[in-house]
C-alpha atoms as a PDB file:
ATOM      1  CA  GLN A   1     -82.473 -25.601  21.476  1.00  0.00           C
ATOM      2  CA  VAL A   2     -81.006 -23.201  23.876  1.00  0.00           C
ATOM      3  CA  THR A   3     -82.414 -23.024  27.355  1.00  0.00           C
ATOM      4  CA  LEU A   4     -81.483 -20.325  29.059  1.00  0.00           C
ATOM      5  CA  VAL A   5     -82.563 -19.244  33.075  1.00  0.00           C
ATOM      6  CA  GLU A   6     -81.222 -15.510  34.600  1.00  0.00           C
ATOM      7  CA  SER A   7     -80.868 -15.302  38.403  1.00  0.00           C
ATOM      8  CA  GLY A   8     -79.849 -12.531  40.561  1.00  0.00           C
ATOM      9  CA  GLY A   9     -82.286  -9.723  40.041  1.00  0.00           C
ATOM     10  CA  GLY A  10     -84.077  -7.890  43.325  1.00  0.00           C
ATOM     11  CA  LEU A  11     -84.064  -5.201  44.552  1.00  0.00           C
ATOM     12  CA  ALA A  12     -80.743  -2.029  44.910  1.00  0.00           C
ATOM     13  CA  GLN A  13     -80.894   1.121  45.911  1.00  0.00           C
ATOM     14  CA  PRO A  14     -79.508   3.867  43.648  1.00  0.00           C
ATOM     15  CA  GLY A  15     -75.679   3.535  43.600  1.00  0.00           C
ATOM     16  CA  GLY A  16     -75.631  -0.028  44.416  1.00  0.00           C
ATOM     17  CA  SER A  17     -75.069  -3.206  42.544  1.00  0.00           C
ATOM     18  CA  LEU A  18     -76.041  -6.271  41.339  1.00  0.00           C
ATOM     19  CA  ARG A  19     -75.031  -9.169  39.626  1.00  0.00           C
ATOM     20  CA  LEU A  20     -76.785 -11.248  37.106  1.00  0.00           C
ATOM     21  CA  SER A  21     -76.529 -14.609  35.941  1.00  0.00           C
ATOM     22  CA  CYS A  22     -77.346 -16.395  32.820  1.00  0.00           C
ATOM     23  CA  ALA A  23     -77.112 -20.142  32.478  1.00  0.00           C
ATOM     24  CA  ALA A  24     -77.519 -22.174  29.192  1.00  0.00           C
ATOM     25  CA  SER A  25     -78.501 -25.679  29.330  1.00  0.00           C
ATOM     26  CA  GLU A  26     -76.412 -26.188  25.754  1.00  0.00           C
ATOM     27  CA  ARG A  27     -73.545 -28.256  25.194  1.00  0.00           C
ATOM     28  CA  THR A  28     -72.689 -25.705  22.035  1.00  0.00           C
ATOM     29  CA  PHE A  29     -72.802 -23.270  24.174  1.00  0.00           C
ATOM     30  CA  SER A  30     -69.747 -21.617  23.080  1.00  0.00           C
ATOM     31  CA  ARG A  31     -70.693 -21.053  19.526  1.00  0.00           C
ATOM     32  CA  TYR A  32     -73.302 -18.380  20.778  1.00  0.00           C
ATOM     33  CA  ALA A  33     -72.549 -14.845  20.924  1.00  0.00           C
ATOM     34  CA  MET A  34     -74.344 -13.712  23.801  1.00  0.00           C
ATOM     35  CA  GLY A  35     -76.568 -10.401  25.066  1.00  0.00           C
ATOM     36  CA  TRP A  36     -78.689  -8.865  27.719  1.00  0.00           C
ATOM     37  CA  PHE A  37     -81.649  -7.001  27.188  1.00  0.00           C
ATOM     38  CA  ARG A  38     -83.785  -5.420  29.177  1.00  0.00           C
ATOM     39  CA  GLN A  39     -87.586  -3.882  29.467  1.00  0.00           C
ATOM     40  CA  ALA A  40     -88.989  -1.089  31.398  1.00  0.00           C
ATOM     41  CA  PRO A  41     -92.900  -0.591  31.681  1.00  0.00           C
ATOM     42  CA  GLY A  42     -94.056   1.153  28.620  1.00  0.00           C
ATOM     43  CA  LYS A  43     -90.914   0.609  26.760  1.00  0.00           C
ATOM     44  CA  GLU A  44     -89.670  -1.511  24.312  1.00  0.00           C
ATOM     45  CA  ARG A  45     -86.958  -4.021  25.062  1.00  0.00           C
ATOM     46  CA  GLU A  46     -83.785  -2.601  24.651  1.00  0.00           C
ATOM     47  CA  PHE A  47     -80.349  -3.717  24.272  1.00  0.00           C
ATOM     48  CA  VAL A  48     -77.687  -3.331  26.786  1.00  0.00           C
ATOM     49  CA  ALA A  49     -74.958  -5.363  26.414  1.00  0.00           C
ATOM     50  CA  ALA A  50     -72.897  -8.011  24.246  1.00  0.00           C
ATOM     51  CA  ILE A  51     -70.393 -10.680  24.485  1.00  0.00           C
ATOM     52  CA  ALA A  52     -68.330 -12.184  21.579  1.00  0.00           C
ATOM     53  CA  ARG A  53     -67.419 -16.326  21.917  1.00  0.00           C
ATOM     54  CA  ASN A  54     -63.789 -15.258  22.804  1.00  0.00           C
ATOM     55  CA  ASN A  55     -65.102 -13.249  25.778  1.00  0.00           C
ATOM     56  CA  ILE A  56     -63.012 -10.454  24.360  1.00  0.00           C
ATOM     57  CA  ASN A  57     -64.985  -8.460  22.128  1.00  0.00           C
ATOM     58  CA  LYS A  58     -67.834  -6.558  23.832  1.00  0.00           C
ATOM     59  CA  ASN A  59     -70.345  -3.996  23.614  1.00  0.00           C
ATOM     60  CA  TYR A  60     -72.672  -1.604  25.597  1.00  0.00           C
ATOM     61  CA  SER A  61     -75.157   0.582  25.196  1.00  0.00           C
ATOM     62  CA  ASP A  62     -74.337   4.065  25.765  1.00  0.00           C
ATOM     63  CA  SER A  63     -76.677   4.213  28.830  1.00  0.00           C
ATOM     64  CA  VAL A  64     -74.802   1.364  30.826  1.00  0.00           C
ATOM     65  CA  LYS A  65     -70.880   2.385  29.705  1.00  0.00           C
ATOM     66  CA  GLY A  66     -68.608   2.209  32.181  1.00  0.00           C
ATOM     67  CA  ARG A  67     -71.466   0.996  34.902  1.00  0.00           C
ATOM     68  CA  PHE A  68     -71.921  -2.393  33.799  1.00  0.00           C
ATOM     69  CA  THR A  69     -70.039  -5.343  32.501  1.00  0.00           C
ATOM     70  CA  ILE A  70     -70.772  -8.721  30.922  1.00  0.00           C
ATOM     71  CA  SER A  71     -68.727 -11.651  30.745  1.00  0.00           C
ATOM     72  CA  ARG A  72     -68.939 -15.249  29.962  1.00  0.00           C
ATOM     73  CA  ASP A  73     -67.405 -18.383  30.997  1.00  0.00           C
ATOM     74  CA  ASN A  74     -67.464 -21.395  28.245  1.00  0.00           C
ATOM     75  CA  ALA A  75     -66.411 -23.914  30.034  1.00  0.00           C
ATOM     76  CA  ARG A  76     -69.819 -23.533  32.856  1.00  0.00           C
ATOM     77  CA  ASN A  77     -72.069 -22.191  29.790  1.00  0.00           C
ATOM     78  CA  THR A  78     -72.805 -18.943  32.198  1.00  0.00           C
ATOM     79  CA  VAL A  79     -72.823 -15.395  31.059  1.00  0.00           C
ATOM     80  CA  ALA A  80     -72.755 -13.219  33.989  1.00  0.00           C
ATOM     81  CA  LEU A  81     -73.671  -8.801  34.090  1.00  0.00           C
ATOM     82  CA  GLN A  82     -72.118  -6.852  36.699  1.00  0.00           C
ATOM     83  CA  MET A  83     -74.125  -3.692  37.336  1.00  0.00           C
ATOM     84  CA  ASN A  84     -72.539  -0.871  39.422  1.00  0.00           C
ATOM     85  CA  GLY A  85     -73.799   2.278  39.968  1.00  0.00           C
ATOM     86  CA  LEU A  86     -77.194   1.540  39.632  1.00  0.00           C
ATOM     87  CA  LYS A  87     -79.777   4.509  38.636  1.00  0.00           C
ATOM     88  CA  PRO A  88     -83.645   4.326  38.888  1.00  0.00           C
ATOM     89  CA  ASP A  89     -83.838   4.202  35.484  1.00  0.00           C
ATOM     90  CA  ASP A  90     -81.921   1.150  35.093  1.00  0.00           C
ATOM     91  CA  THR A  91     -85.389  -0.581  36.477  1.00  0.00           C
ATOM     92  CA  ALA A  92     -86.592  -3.303  34.278  1.00  0.00           C
ATOM     93  CA  VAL A  93     -86.603  -6.734  33.926  1.00  0.00           C
ATOM     94  CA  TYR A  94     -83.364  -8.238  32.366  1.00  0.00           C
ATOM     95  CA  TYR A  95     -83.308 -10.776  29.637  1.00  0.00           C
ATOM     96  CA  CYS A  96     -80.240 -13.149  28.814  1.00  0.00           C
ATOM     97  CA  ALA A  97     -80.277 -13.740  25.103  1.00  0.00           C
ATOM     98  CA  ALA A  98     -77.955 -15.841  22.420  1.00  0.00           C
ATOM     99  CA  HIS A  99     -77.161 -15.418  19.241  1.00  0.00           C
ATOM    100  CA  TRP A 100     -75.274 -18.367  16.794  1.00  0.00           C
ATOM    101  CA  SER A 101     -72.231 -17.048  15.532  1.00  0.00           C
ATOM    102  CA  LEU A 102     -69.801 -18.754  13.316  1.00  0.00           C
ATOM    103  CA  HIS A 103     -66.794 -16.044  14.300  1.00  0.00           C
ATOM    104  CA  SER A 104     -65.462 -15.788  17.317  1.00  0.00           C
ATOM    105  CA  ASN A 105     -65.315 -12.193  17.347  1.00  0.00           C
ATOM    106  CA  LEU A 106     -68.596 -11.156  16.305  1.00  0.00           C
ATOM    107  CA  HIS A 107     -71.387  -9.715  19.075  1.00  0.00           C
ATOM    108  CA  TYR A 108     -75.003  -8.524  17.786  1.00  0.00           C
ATOM    109  CA  SER A 109     -76.852  -5.564  19.584  1.00  0.00           C
ATOM    110  CA  LEU A 110     -80.353  -6.013  17.695  1.00  0.00           C
ATOM    111  CA  VAL A 111     -83.196  -7.794  19.672  1.00  0.00           C
ATOM    112  CA  GLU A 112     -84.747  -9.156  16.566  1.00  0.00           C
ATOM    113  CA  THR A 113     -81.817 -11.261  15.532  1.00  0.00           C
ATOM    114  CA  TYR A 114     -81.518 -12.980  18.781  1.00  0.00           C
ATOM    115  CA  GLU A 115     -83.249 -16.644  18.804  1.00  0.00           C
ATOM    116  CA  TYR A 116     -83.112 -17.913  22.368  1.00  0.00           C
ATOM    117  CA  TRP A 117     -84.480 -15.928  25.277  1.00  0.00           C
ATOM    118  CA  GLY A 118     -84.454 -16.264  28.726  1.00  0.00           C
ATOM    119  CA  GLN A 119     -87.974 -15.616  30.943  1.00  0.00           C
ATOM    120  CA  GLY A 120     -85.999 -12.605  32.453  1.00  0.00           C
ATOM    121  CA  THR A 121     -85.213 -11.676  35.700  1.00  0.00           C
ATOM    122  CA  GLN A 122     -86.644  -8.284  37.658  1.00  0.00           C
ATOM    123  CA  VAL A 123     -84.204  -5.369  38.845  1.00  0.00           C
ATOM    124  CA  THR A 124     -85.430  -2.830  40.633  1.00  0.00           C
ATOM    125  CA  VAL A 125     -83.423   0.307  41.390  1.00  0.00           C
ATOM    126  CA  SER A 126     -85.192   2.774  44.626  1.00  0.00           C
ATOM    127  CA  SER A 127     -84.499   4.225  47.080  1.00  0.00           C
END
């Protein structure tokens, strides 16, 4: 039902910044909590950040807390991930995901509970 398309990935140096964007082709986008996940070679897909429908309640993994910021624009059906202070360990394919939510203040961090996923965008942090 929900189509998600990520953009903004690329190559960055350690300490640099990238801004990822996810566009949803869905009229009811505002009814979904959103999340960002990533998967590095040889690792499981892991939680990065999540945001509730209200654009207020958020959650971050410990590894990115203080460096990444998630935000959304329900009017434009988009969610973004601002990544600052990038580290080589941030190298991964980053995925946008949608999780239907009745409540405006809830967010979710478990991979297996998200139903809709984008194809991913590669982020490489290297000197």
